[in-house]
Each structure stands twice: as C-alpha cells, then as structure tokens.
Amino acid sequence: MKDGVSFWKKYNIHHPFLLAEYRGNGKKYHKFFAKLNVDQSFSSEIAFVELIGFPTTSMAKKIINYFANIYFQMKTENI
C-alpha cells in the first residue's frame, strides 16, 4: 500500500485485509487493531511497520518456532 492515510480515510478502515471482498489470510492482527476503534482522524498519527523482515501472513506457527529457535540459541550461547 502506497498511501495508508488516504486508504483509511477513503474506506474508514485501516487496512485492505478488512475489506469485505478480501478473502485471503492475515486478518487476525488487523481485526484486533480494529477493535480499538481508532478513528480515521488519527490516520496520519499512526504508522504500521513490519518489524520482521518478511510478511507473517499465515505463518503464526512457523514464526513461533522461528523465534523459539533463536531464543534457545541465544540462551545456549549466553547472549
């Protein structure tokens, strides 16, 4: 998405995954955020940043395993 602020103002939702016609994965996080009822007037004040260097759609179990492996590796190496 190139202009999230304009999208939010046009559709009154913060992300395309919440559009009725969207049938893909990845809605869970955005549904939870939507429950906060943050008004579109705050759209220019909020930034959604992908903190992980890859999309996490439909990867919840894989992500947990990935981070568990990193955690245990760090613990083993006393990092």
C-alpha atoms as a PDB file:
ATOM      1  CA  MET A   1       0.000   0.000   0.000  1.00  0.00           C
ATOM      2  CA  LYS A   2       1.467   3.328  -1.000  1.00  0.00           C
ATOM      3  CA  ASP A   3      -0.768   5.702   0.948  1.00  0.00           C
ATOM      4  CA  GLY A   4      -2.263   4.202   4.086  1.00  0.00           C
ATOM      5  CA  VAL A   5      -3.631   7.529   5.318  1.00  0.00           C
ATOM      6  CA  SER A   6      -5.681   8.084   2.156  1.00  0.00           C
ATOM      7  CA  PHE A   7      -6.863   4.466   2.195  1.00  0.00           C
ATOM      8  CA  TRP A   8      -8.040   4.752   5.810  1.00  0.00           C
ATOM      9  CA  LYS A   9      -9.870   7.995   5.105  1.00  0.00           C
ATOM     10  CA  LYS A  10     -11.492   6.663   1.927  1.00  0.00           C
ATOM     11  CA  TYR A  11     -12.700   3.314   3.309  1.00  0.00           C
ATOM     12  CA  ASN A  12     -12.846   4.106   7.041  1.00  0.00           C
ATOM     13  CA  ILE A  13     -10.743   1.005   7.783  1.00  0.00           C
ATOM     14  CA  HIS A  14      -7.007   0.942   8.368  1.00  0.00           C
ATOM     15  CA  HIS A  15      -6.009  -1.995   6.148  1.00  0.00           C
ATOM     16  CA  PRO A  16      -7.173  -3.674   2.893  1.00  0.00           C
ATOM     17  CA  PHE A  17      -7.372  -7.038   4.662  1.00  0.00           C
ATOM     18  CA  LEU A  18     -10.522  -5.728   6.336  1.00  0.00           C
ATOM     19  CA  LEU A  19     -12.350  -5.067   3.067  1.00  0.00           C
ATOM     20  CA  ALA A  20     -15.418  -7.313   2.702  1.00  0.00           C
ATOM     21  CA  GLU A  21     -14.207  -8.672  -0.641  1.00  0.00           C
ATOM     22  CA  TYR A  22     -10.771  -9.689   0.705  1.00  0.00           C
ATOM     23  CA  ARG A  23     -10.654 -13.484   1.013  1.00  0.00           C
ATOM     24  CA  GLY A  24      -7.003 -14.033   1.887  1.00  0.00           C
ATOM     25  CA  ASN A  25      -5.161 -14.620   5.126  1.00  0.00           C
ATOM     26  CA  GLY A  26      -3.672 -12.117   7.530  1.00  0.00           C
ATOM     27  CA  LYS A  27      -6.776 -10.604   9.066  1.00  0.00           C
ATOM     28  CA  LYS A  28      -6.202 -11.595  12.692  1.00  0.00           C
ATOM     29  CA  TYR A  29      -3.886  -8.729  13.725  1.00  0.00           C
ATOM     30  CA  HIS A  30      -5.905  -6.142  11.840  1.00  0.00           C
ATOM     31  CA  LYS A  31      -9.204  -7.330  13.340  1.00  0.00           C
ATOM     32  CA  PHE A  32      -7.711  -6.938  16.818  1.00  0.00           C
ATOM     33  CA  PHE A  33      -6.433  -3.470  15.997  1.00  0.00           C
ATOM     34  CA  ALA A  34      -9.853  -2.516  14.599  1.00  0.00           C
ATOM     35  CA  LYS A  35     -11.425  -3.416  17.961  1.00  0.00           C
ATOM     36  CA  LEU A  36      -9.562  -0.445  19.450  1.00  0.00           C
ATOM     37  CA  ASN A  37     -11.963   1.764  17.454  1.00  0.00           C
ATOM     38  CA  VAL A  38      -9.228   4.180  16.450  1.00  0.00           C
ATOM     39  CA  ASP A  39     -10.916   6.838  14.349  1.00  0.00           C
ATOM     40  CA  GLN A  40      -9.660   7.666  10.860  1.00  0.00           C
ATOM     41  CA  SER A  41      -8.879  11.174  12.084  1.00  0.00           C
ATOM     42  CA  PHE A  42      -5.771   9.611  13.684  1.00  0.00           C
ATOM     43  CA  SER A  43      -4.647   8.004  10.422  1.00  0.00           C
ATOM     44  CA  SER A  44      -1.765  10.432   9.933  1.00  0.00           C
ATOM     45  CA  GLU A  45      -0.591   9.838  13.520  1.00  0.00           C
ATOM     46  CA  ILE A  46      -0.212   6.044  13.312  1.00  0.00           C
ATOM     47  CA  ALA A  47       2.341   4.023  11.385  1.00  0.00           C
ATOM     48  CA  PHE A  48       2.198   0.296  10.832  1.00  0.00           C
ATOM     49  CA  VAL A  49       5.704  -1.046  10.496  1.00  0.00           C
ATOM     50  CA  GLU A  50       6.708  -4.579   9.610  1.00  0.00           C
ATOM     51  CA  LEU A  51       9.199  -5.309  12.389  1.00  0.00           C
ATOM     52  CA  ILE A  52      10.202  -8.608  10.921  1.00  0.00           C
ATOM     53  CA  GLY A  53      11.890  -8.524   7.539  1.00  0.00           C
ATOM     54  CA  PHE A  54       9.216 -10.660   5.886  1.00  0.00           C
ATOM     55  CA  PRO A  55       5.392 -10.841   5.791  1.00  0.00           C
ATOM     56  CA  THR A  56       3.868 -13.007   8.514  1.00  0.00           C
ATOM     57  CA  THR A  57       0.555 -13.855   6.832  1.00  0.00           C
ATOM     58  CA  SER A  58      -0.498 -17.409   7.724  1.00  0.00           C
ATOM     59  CA  MET A  59       2.795 -18.034   9.440  1.00  0.00           C
ATOM     60  CA  ALA A  60       1.891 -17.852  13.146  1.00  0.00           C
ATOM     61  CA  LYS A  61       3.115 -21.367  13.997  1.00  0.00           C
ATOM     62  CA  LYS A  62       6.217 -21.003  11.829  1.00  0.00           C
ATOM     63  CA  ILE A  63       7.027 -17.664  13.456  1.00  0.00           C
ATOM     64  CA  ILE A  64       6.721 -19.100  16.965  1.00  0.00           C
ATOM     65  CA  ASN A  65       9.102 -21.929  16.050  1.00  0.00           C
ATOM     66  CA  TYR A  66      11.474 -19.479  14.372  1.00  0.00           C
ATOM     67  CA  PHE A  67      11.679 -17.230  17.438  1.00  0.00           C
ATOM     68  CA  ALA A  68      11.852 -20.171  19.825  1.00  0.00           C
ATOM     69  CA  ASN A  69      14.908 -21.423  17.933  1.00  0.00           C
ATOM     70  CA  ILE A  70      16.551 -18.006  18.104  1.00  0.00           C
ATOM     71  CA  TYR A  71      15.761 -17.714  21.831  1.00  0.00           C
ATOM     72  CA  PHE A  72      17.218 -21.119  22.646  1.00  0.00           C
ATOM     73  CA  GLN A  73      20.287 -20.429  20.530  1.00  0.00           C
ATOM     74  CA  MET A  74      20.850 -17.137  22.371  1.00  0.00           C
ATOM     75  CA  LYS A  75      20.318 -18.832  25.724  1.00  0.00           C
ATOM     76  CA  THR A  76      22.789 -21.592  24.838  1.00  0.00           C
ATOM     77  CA  GLU A  77      25.367 -19.016  23.747  1.00  0.00           C
ATOM     78  CA  ASN A  78      24.615 -16.810  26.803  1.00  0.00           C
ATOM     79  CA  ILE A  79      23.715 -13.822  24.665  1.00  0.00           C
END
